[in-house]
Amino acid sequence: MDWVILTATGRLARVSLVEPLFQARAGHTTRVDHDVIASVAPARDGAVGAVAGTGTAYRLDIDALPELIPGGPWSMWDAPPPERLLPLADGERIVGLANLDPEAPPLTLGTRSGVVKRVVPEYKGWDSWQVMSVRDDDAIAGVSHASDADELVFITTDAQLLRLTARQVRAQGRPAGGMAGIKLNDEATVLFFTAIAKLDSDQAVVATLAAGPDSPASVKVTPFADYPAKGRATTGVRTHRFLKGQDHLALAWAGLPPVRACDASGSPRNLPNAPDRRDGTGAKVYGPFAALG
């Protein structure tokens, strides 16, 4: 199967694999530049959907992408950014990739303001199309696919994590604007959104990086199973206890391990090996962190 990868540093490539992508990635013990993954999707008929934060999706042909060696490790330092391949509007940024197979689970999106939407599968060969109506003061924070039994995950800048089942979000048509996903506290926004397959929930992990003006950053990794599920439109539970001088989460991620980190140039950064409790403070880290994935 051909997979398309979007890195956390905004680069695109493809790889042909027999085994699941994250199983292959887990075997890459050597770190390389630009190996932190933000989103993946399997190709159908030689293409995937590339979803922008504005709610517009673009057809991305995989023939335009460099091909990675299946055995890895996958360094994408010379892979193209989306703006080189797609007719993005000024200020548009690709935030995730979508499977164009109409038999795939519904495309699922979460926004910075806490709105969630599952989209009725529909693709008719368009070069670009709307998958969600997004307000001018909002943007999509994450993109995934979710069947009814799968889990949806919101993580906010004030360190709240909401875990809910996808069946609580009914699928809607493409022009719809979604529904309330997480209830945000004052001045908080959604930092990260994804879906985790039901079969993966016992193996998945949550990684967060807390920061502030008067303290070193701290990072922790916690089993996803430690977080209780709650209902839609609730505030979630605390996922990181701030140290003195910290006041927000700067980075967050949830998914199948291994979780990796990099700086803005794509260079690898180290994460703690030992898991921390759900509301722990994490381990202090020094130097720049730009992404988890």
Protein backbone atom coordinates (compact mmCIF):
# COMPACT_ATOMS: atom_id res chain seq x y z
CA MET A 1 0.00 0.00 0.00
CA ASP A 2 1.16 3.53 -0.77
CA TRP A 3 1.08 5.94 2.16
CA VAL A 4 1.53 9.70 2.13
CA ILE A 5 3.28 11.33 5.08
CA LEU A 6 3.07 14.95 6.24
CA THR A 7 5.84 15.83 8.68
CA ALA A 8 5.48 18.18 11.61
CA THR A 9 7.89 20.49 9.77
CA GLY A 10 5.54 20.66 6.78
CA ARG A 11 7.08 18.28 4.23
CA LEU A 12 5.39 15.64 2.09
CA ALA A 13 6.59 12.23 0.88
CA ARG A 14 5.26 8.76 0.09
CA VAL A 15 6.27 5.23 0.99
CA SER A 16 5.10 1.81 -0.21
CA LEU A 17 4.64 -0.70 2.61
CA VAL A 18 3.33 -4.21 3.19
CA GLU A 19 2.85 -3.76 6.95
CA PRO A 20 0.97 -0.89 8.66
CA LEU A 21 2.88 2.39 8.51
CA PHE A 22 3.26 2.88 12.26
CA GLN A 23 4.48 -0.68 12.66
CA ALA A 24 7.18 0.02 10.11
CA ARG A 25 8.03 3.34 11.75
CA ALA A 26 8.37 1.71 15.18
CA GLY A 27 11.23 -0.34 13.78
CA HIS A 28 13.25 2.78 12.95
CA THR A 29 15.48 3.12 16.01
CA THR A 30 17.85 5.62 14.37
CA ARG A 31 16.65 9.24 14.49
CA VAL A 32 17.09 11.52 11.48
CA ASP A 33 16.12 15.09 10.63
CA HIS A 34 12.47 15.76 9.72
CA ASP A 35 11.21 12.36 10.92
CA VAL A 36 8.41 13.65 13.18
CA ILE A 37 5.07 12.77 11.56
CA ALA A 38 2.03 15.05 11.79
CA SER A 39 -0.42 13.12 9.58
CA VAL A 40 -0.62 10.08 7.29
CA ALA A 41 -3.15 8.72 4.81
CA PRO A 42 -3.29 5.75 2.42
CA ALA A 43 -3.45 6.64 -1.26
CA ARG A 44 -6.46 5.69 -3.36
CA ASP A 45 -6.18 5.84 -7.15
CA GLY A 46 -2.85 7.59 -6.73
CA ALA A 47 -4.03 10.45 -4.53
CA VAL A 48 -4.92 11.62 -1.02
CA GLY A 49 -6.77 14.64 0.30
CA ALA A 50 -4.76 17.48 1.87
CA VAL A 51 -6.92 19.40 4.34
CA ALA A 52 -6.22 23.06 5.08
CA GLY A 53 -7.06 24.81 8.33
CA THR A 54 -9.72 26.79 6.48
CA GLY A 55 -11.82 23.68 5.83
CA THR A 56 -10.84 23.29 2.17
CA ALA A 57 -9.40 19.98 0.94
CA TYR A 58 -7.16 19.56 -2.10
CA ARG A 59 -6.45 16.50 -4.21
CA LEU A 60 -2.76 15.64 -3.87
CA ASP A 61 -1.36 13.26 -6.49
CA ILE A 62 1.33 11.01 -5.06
CA ASP A 63 3.34 11.00 -8.30
CA ALA A 64 4.54 14.48 -7.35
CA LEU A 65 6.04 13.21 -4.08
CA PRO A 66 9.50 11.74 -3.42
CA GLU A 67 9.46 8.05 -2.53
CA LEU A 68 11.01 6.90 0.74
CA ILE A 69 12.90 3.64 1.27
CA PRO A 70 10.53 1.30 3.17
CA GLY A 71 13.28 0.10 5.52
CA GLY A 72 13.88 3.66 6.76
CA PRO A 73 14.70 5.67 8.67
CA TRP A 74 12.58 8.29 6.87
CA SER A 75 14.35 11.62 6.64
CA MET A 76 12.35 14.14 4.63
CA TRP A 77 14.80 17.03 4.73
CA ASP A 78 14.55 17.49 0.93
CA ALA A 79 10.83 16.69 0.54
CA PRO A 80 8.58 19.46 -0.83
CA PRO A 81 6.22 21.56 1.30
CA PRO A 82 2.49 21.59 0.42
CA GLU A 83 2.59 25.12 -0.98
CA ARG A 84 4.94 23.94 -3.70
CA LEU A 85 2.43 21.32 -4.89
CA LEU A 86 -1.01 22.76 -4.19
CA PRO A 87 -2.82 26.01 -5.11
CA LEU A 88 -3.17 27.19 -1.52
CA ALA A 89 -4.71 30.58 -0.83
CA ASP A 90 -2.71 33.21 1.03
CA GLY A 91 -2.36 32.14 4.65
CA GLU A 92 -3.69 28.60 4.09
CA ARG A 93 -1.79 25.80 5.80
CA ILE A 94 -2.25 22.04 5.37
CA VAL A 95 -3.03 20.52 8.78
CA GLY A 96 -3.72 16.90 7.85
CA LEU A 97 -4.24 14.24 5.19
CA ALA A 98 -7.43 12.39 4.26
CA ASN A 99 -8.23 9.01 2.73
CA LEU A 100 -10.29 9.49 -0.47
CA ASP A 101 -11.80 6.00 -0.35
CA PRO A 102 -15.61 6.40 0.03
CA GLU A 103 -15.61 3.24 2.15
CA ALA A 104 -13.19 4.78 4.69
CA PRO A 105 -14.50 5.84 8.11
CA PRO A 106 -15.81 9.42 8.21
CA LEU A 107 -13.24 12.19 8.02
CA THR A 108 -13.16 13.79 11.46
CA LEU A 109 -12.01 17.32 12.26
CA GLY A 110 -11.55 19.40 15.41
CA THR A 111 -11.05 23.17 15.49
CA ARG A 112 -9.14 25.62 17.69
CA SER A 113 -12.41 26.78 19.25
CA GLY A 114 -13.45 23.25 20.22
CA VAL A 115 -15.86 22.41 17.38
CA VAL A 116 -15.89 18.81 16.11
CA LYS A 117 -17.24 17.37 12.88
CA ARG A 118 -17.46 13.99 11.18
CA VAL A 119 -18.02 14.25 7.45
CA VAL A 120 -20.26 11.94 5.43
CA PRO A 121 -17.80 10.23 3.00
CA GLU A 122 -18.03 11.84 -0.43
CA TYR A 123 -15.44 12.41 -3.13
CA LYS A 124 -16.23 12.88 -6.82
CA GLY A 125 -12.83 13.56 -8.32
CA TRP A 126 -12.67 17.24 -7.38
CA ASP A 127 -9.37 19.13 -7.37
CA SER A 128 -10.57 21.06 -4.29
CA TRP A 129 -13.69 20.90 -2.14
CA GLN A 130 -15.07 21.98 1.21
CA VAL A 131 -15.06 19.49 4.08
CA MET A 132 -16.15 21.89 6.82
CA SER A 133 -17.49 25.40 7.16
CA VAL A 134 -15.00 27.17 9.46
CA ARG A 135 -15.54 30.62 10.95
CA ASP A 136 -13.07 33.36 10.03
CA ASP A 137 -11.85 33.50 13.65
CA ASP A 138 -11.35 29.73 13.87
CA ALA A 139 -9.18 27.07 12.17
CA ILE A 140 -8.98 23.30 12.01
CA ALA A 141 -6.51 21.95 14.59
CA GLY A 142 -6.40 18.32 13.49
CA VAL A 143 -7.72 15.80 10.96
CA SER A 144 -8.26 12.06 11.22
CA HIS A 145 -10.74 9.28 10.32
CA ALA A 146 -13.02 7.73 12.95
CA SER A 147 -15.55 4.91 13.05
CA ASP A 148 -18.29 5.05 15.67
CA ALA A 149 -16.32 2.96 18.19
CA ASP A 150 -13.12 5.00 17.89
CA GLU A 151 -11.98 7.67 20.34
CA LEU A 152 -11.71 11.40 19.67
CA VAL A 153 -9.11 13.42 21.59
CA PHE A 154 -8.92 17.16 22.24
CA ILE A 155 -5.95 18.68 24.10
CA THR A 156 -6.06 22.37 25.05
CA THR A 157 -3.50 25.06 25.82
CA ASP A 158 -4.55 25.04 29.49
CA ALA A 159 -3.74 21.31 29.75
CA GLN A 160 -7.20 19.79 29.52
CA LEU A 161 -7.72 16.52 27.63
CA LEU A 162 -11.13 15.36 26.49
CA ARG A 163 -11.57 11.76 25.38
CA LEU A 164 -14.94 10.83 23.88
CA THR A 165 -16.31 8.16 21.57
CA ALA A 166 -16.86 9.14 17.95
CA ARG A 167 -20.45 7.85 17.99
CA GLN A 168 -21.32 10.96 20.03
CA VAL A 169 -20.67 13.02 16.89
CA ARG A 170 -23.14 12.28 14.10
CA ALA A 171 -21.78 12.52 10.56
CA GLN A 172 -22.76 15.66 8.63
CA GLY A 173 -22.61 16.85 5.03
CA ARG A 174 -19.61 18.75 3.70
CA PRO A 175 -20.94 22.35 4.10
CA ALA A 176 -21.96 21.87 7.76
CA GLY A 177 -20.05 23.62 10.52
CA GLY A 178 -19.89 20.81 13.08
CA MET A 179 -20.99 20.78 16.72
CA ALA A 180 -19.62 21.48 20.18
CA GLY A 181 -16.74 19.11 20.93
CA ILE A 182 -14.94 20.38 24.04
CA LYS A 183 -16.02 23.13 26.42
CA LEU A 184 -13.11 25.56 26.68
CA ASN A 185 -12.10 27.53 29.72
CA ASP A 186 -11.51 31.28 29.36
CA GLU A 187 -8.68 32.16 26.94
CA ALA A 188 -7.91 28.50 26.21
CA THR A 189 -7.80 27.09 22.69
CA VAL A 190 -7.47 23.60 21.24
CA LEU A 191 -3.83 22.76 20.67
CA PHE A 192 -4.25 19.24 19.26
CA PHE A 193 -7.03 17.02 17.93
CA THR A 194 -7.00 13.45 16.61
CA ALA A 195 -8.87 10.15 16.54
CA ILE A 196 -7.50 6.93 18.02
CA ALA A 197 -8.80 3.59 16.79
CA LYS A 198 -10.56 1.50 19.43
CA LEU A 199 -8.10 -1.36 18.87
CA ASP A 200 -5.17 1.02 19.50
CA SER A 201 -6.44 2.70 22.68
CA ASP A 202 -4.56 0.38 25.06
CA GLN A 203 -1.22 1.00 23.29
CA ALA A 204 -1.60 4.73 22.55
CA VAL A 205 0.22 7.42 24.52
CA VAL A 206 -0.23 11.14 25.19
CA ALA A 207 2.73 13.53 25.08
CA THR A 208 2.66 17.12 26.30
CA LEU A 209 5.16 19.95 26.72
CA ALA A 210 4.42 22.69 29.27
CA ALA A 211 6.11 26.09 29.04
CA GLY A 212 6.06 29.56 30.51
CA PRO A 213 8.04 32.77 30.75
CA ASP A 214 9.72 31.98 34.07
CA SER A 215 10.47 28.25 33.98
CA PRO A 216 12.19 25.67 31.82
CA ALA A 217 9.82 23.58 29.73
CA SER A 218 8.78 20.14 30.93
CA VAL A 219 7.77 17.11 28.87
CA LYS A 220 5.89 13.98 29.81
CA VAL A 221 4.50 10.89 28.11
CA THR A 222 1.49 9.09 29.63
CA PRO A 223 -0.51 6.01 28.58
CA PHE A 224 -3.75 7.05 26.87
CA ALA A 225 -5.59 4.38 28.88
CA ASP A 226 -5.00 6.49 32.03
CA TYR A 227 -7.46 9.13 30.79
CA PRO A 228 -11.16 8.56 31.51
CA ALA A 229 -13.70 9.05 28.73
CA LYS A 230 -16.23 11.87 29.13
CA GLY A 231 -19.17 13.26 27.22
CA ARG A 232 -19.14 15.68 24.33
CA ALA A 233 -19.11 19.41 25.18
CA THR A 234 -17.44 18.87 28.58
CA THR A 235 -14.09 20.27 29.76
CA GLY A 236 -12.10 17.04 29.98
CA VAL A 237 -9.48 16.27 32.64
CA ARG A 238 -6.08 17.73 33.47
CA THR A 239 -3.25 16.22 31.45
CA HIS A 240 -0.21 18.15 32.74
CA ARG A 241 0.37 19.89 36.07
CA PHE A 242 2.26 23.14 35.58
CA LEU A 243 5.42 23.92 37.50
CA LYS A 244 5.94 27.36 38.98
CA GLY A 245 6.52 29.77 36.11
CA GLN A 246 4.67 27.64 33.55
CA ASP A 247 1.29 28.78 32.24
CA HIS A 248 0.39 26.81 29.11
CA LEU A 249 0.94 23.76 26.97
CA ALA A 250 3.08 24.62 23.98
CA LEU A 251 2.92 21.18 22.33
CA ALA A 252 0.66 18.11 22.57
CA TRP A 253 0.18 14.84 20.73
CA ALA A 254 -1.64 11.52 21.10
CA GLY A 255 -1.27 8.31 19.11
CA LEU A 256 0.64 5.06 18.79
CA PRO A 257 4.23 5.06 20.07
CA PRO A 258 6.96 5.84 19.52
CA VAL A 259 6.35 9.55 20.03
CA ARG A 260 9.18 11.74 18.76
CA ALA A 261 10.15 15.39 19.01
CA CYS A 262 12.11 17.84 16.91
CA ASP A 263 13.12 21.49 16.86
CA ALA A 264 12.10 24.03 14.22
CA SER A 265 14.87 22.91 11.88
CA GLY A 266 13.70 19.28 12.08
CA SER A 267 16.60 18.11 14.26
CA PRO A 268 15.67 15.34 16.73
CA ARG A 269 15.05 16.18 20.38
CA ASN A 270 15.02 13.64 23.22
CA LEU A 271 11.98 12.71 25.28
CA PRO A 272 11.77 10.95 28.67
CA ASN A 273 11.80 7.16 28.50
CA ALA A 274 9.72 6.49 31.62
CA PRO A 275 5.94 7.10 31.52
CA ASP A 276 4.54 9.74 33.87
CA ARG A 277 1.16 9.83 35.63
CA ARG A 278 -1.77 11.59 34.01
CA ASP A 279 -1.51 14.87 35.94
CA GLY A 280 2.25 14.77 36.55
CA THR A 281 4.65 17.68 35.99
CA GLY A 282 6.96 15.83 33.61
CA ALA A 283 10.73 16.11 33.22
CA LYS A 284 12.44 19.46 32.67
CA VAL A 285 13.98 19.94 29.24
CA TYR A 286 16.27 22.60 27.88
CA GLY A 287 16.72 23.81 24.33
CA PRO A 288 14.12 24.36 21.64
CA PHE A 289 11.19 22.01 20.99
CA ALA A 290 8.94 22.74 18.00
CA ALA A 291 6.86 19.59 17.43
CA LEU A 292 5.74 16.24 18.77
CA GLY A 293 4.54 13.40 16.57
